[in-house]
Amino acid sequence: MREAKQDGGTIVEVQVVPELCMNFRNCVRIATGAFVPDPTTGKTRVGAWQRVAPEELWKAAWSCPSGAIRLVTQERGYVVPRWDEIARWDTDRHPAAGRKGDEPLPRY
């Protein structure tokens, strides 16, 4: 098995959860060959991910709006890049999400 390395860790497995796949196909466009449409279900499934640059795998997984793409890494284990990023969001820094009560939205 070929291991793919990027800042997020050494990728040892790529998964797509069919129940979460909404078929946007960002991953198919970004990491060509790593993800392919499944003719039976119409959902995306894992293809030849070992042949794709690790950076493209991370970009594709991050681009998945529903978090259906999961990467298994040696360093961090099971990672959902999209959810990993969202977990670090700070709503207090967002002008709309951090509003309290009836405060008006900021004008730009």
Protein backbone atom coordinates (compact mmCIF):
# COMPACT_ATOMS: atom_id res chain seq x y z
CA MET A 1 0.00 0.00 0.00
CA ARG A 2 1.37 3.41 -0.92
CA GLU A 3 1.27 6.00 1.84
CA ALA A 4 0.49 9.60 0.99
CA LYS A 5 1.97 12.35 3.17
CA GLN A 6 0.74 15.91 3.70
CA ASP A 7 0.70 18.28 6.68
CA GLY A 8 -2.39 16.56 8.08
CA GLY A 9 -0.63 13.22 8.30
CA THR A 10 0.36 10.16 6.31
CA ILE A 11 -2.77 8.88 4.56
CA VAL A 12 -3.10 5.11 4.78
CA GLU A 13 -6.77 4.79 3.80
CA VAL A 14 -9.47 6.86 2.10
CA GLN A 15 -13.19 6.31 2.69
CA VAL A 16 -16.46 7.73 1.40
CA VAL A 17 -19.57 7.27 3.53
CA PRO A 18 -22.34 6.72 0.94
CA GLU A 19 -25.12 7.81 3.32
CA LEU A 20 -23.46 11.23 3.68
CA CYS A 21 -22.49 11.69 0.04
CA MET A 22 -24.68 14.36 -1.56
CA ASN A 23 -23.12 13.83 -4.99
CA PHE A 24 -21.68 17.32 -5.46
CA ARG A 25 -18.64 15.63 -7.04
CA ASN A 26 -16.15 18.30 -5.94
CA CYS A 27 -13.85 15.44 -4.99
CA VAL A 28 -14.09 13.89 -8.47
CA ARG A 29 -13.03 17.19 -10.06
CA ILE A 30 -10.26 18.01 -7.55
CA ALA A 31 -8.65 14.57 -7.11
CA THR A 32 -9.24 13.00 -10.50
CA GLY A 33 -9.08 9.23 -10.26
CA ALA A 34 -9.14 9.09 -6.45
CA PHE A 35 -12.92 9.37 -6.42
CA VAL A 36 -15.29 8.03 -9.05
CA PRO A 37 -19.07 7.90 -9.51
CA ASP A 38 -20.59 4.56 -8.55
CA PRO A 39 -22.83 3.51 -11.47
CA THR A 40 -25.04 1.46 -9.16
CA THR A 41 -25.83 4.08 -6.52
CA GLY A 42 -24.96 7.31 -8.33
CA LYS A 43 -22.93 8.30 -5.27
CA THR A 44 -19.18 8.86 -5.22
CA ARG A 45 -16.88 6.04 -4.13
CA VAL A 46 -13.16 5.66 -3.61
CA GLY A 47 -11.10 4.97 -6.71
CA ALA A 48 -7.33 4.77 -7.19
CA TRP A 49 -6.49 7.25 -4.43
CA GLN A 50 -2.91 5.92 -4.15
CA ARG A 51 -2.12 7.47 -7.54
CA VAL A 52 -3.16 10.98 -6.53
CA ALA A 53 -0.98 13.60 -4.81
CA PRO A 54 -1.68 13.84 -1.07
CA GLU A 55 -2.39 17.56 -1.33
CA GLU A 56 -5.18 16.81 -3.78
CA LEU A 57 -6.69 14.19 -1.45
CA TRP A 58 -6.74 16.69 1.44
CA LYS A 59 -8.26 19.39 -0.82
CA ALA A 60 -10.91 16.99 -2.08
CA ALA A 61 -11.82 15.84 1.42
CA TRP A 62 -11.96 19.41 2.68
CA SER A 63 -14.20 20.38 -0.26
CA CYS A 64 -16.88 17.82 0.63
CA PRO A 65 -19.80 19.86 2.03
CA SER A 66 -21.29 16.93 3.93
CA GLY A 67 -18.05 15.51 5.33
CA ALA A 68 -18.56 12.19 3.55
CA ILE A 69 -14.84 11.82 2.82
CA ARG A 70 -12.74 10.43 5.63
CA LEU A 71 -9.00 9.97 5.66
CA VAL A 72 -7.21 7.55 7.94
CA THR A 73 -3.72 8.76 8.85
CA GLN A 74 -0.87 7.17 10.75
CA GLU A 75 -0.40 10.22 12.96
CA ARG A 76 -3.98 11.26 13.72
CA GLY A 77 -6.07 8.21 12.91
CA TYR A 78 -9.54 8.83 11.49
CA VAL A 79 -9.87 12.42 10.15
CA VAL A 80 -12.75 14.21 8.45
CA PRO A 81 -10.96 17.30 7.06
CA ARG A 82 -14.17 19.32 6.59
CA TRP A 83 -15.35 18.67 10.14
CA ASP A 84 -11.83 19.17 11.50
CA GLU A 85 -11.79 22.68 10.07
CA ILE A 86 -15.27 23.53 11.32
CA ALA A 87 -14.37 22.41 14.85
CA ARG A 88 -11.88 25.32 15.02
CA TRP A 89 -14.33 28.03 13.95
CA ASP A 90 -14.87 30.80 16.47
CA THR A 91 -18.39 32.21 16.16
CA ASP A 92 -17.48 35.20 18.34
CA ARG A 93 -15.27 36.41 15.51
CA HIS A 94 -18.03 36.13 12.89
CA PRO A 95 -20.06 39.36 12.66
CA ALA A 96 -23.42 37.64 12.17
CA ALA A 97 -23.06 34.38 14.08
CA GLY A 98 -21.55 36.08 17.12
CA ARG A 99 -24.44 38.56 17.55
CA LYS A 100 -26.18 38.74 20.88
CA GLY A 101 -29.94 39.19 21.13
CA ASP A 102 -31.43 41.88 18.94
CA GLU A 103 -28.18 43.57 17.89
CA PRO A 104 -28.33 44.76 14.28
CA LEU A 105 -26.09 43.20 11.67
CA PRO A 106 -22.98 45.26 10.89
CA ARG A 107 -23.10 47.38 7.74
CA TYR A 108 -20.22 47.21 5.30
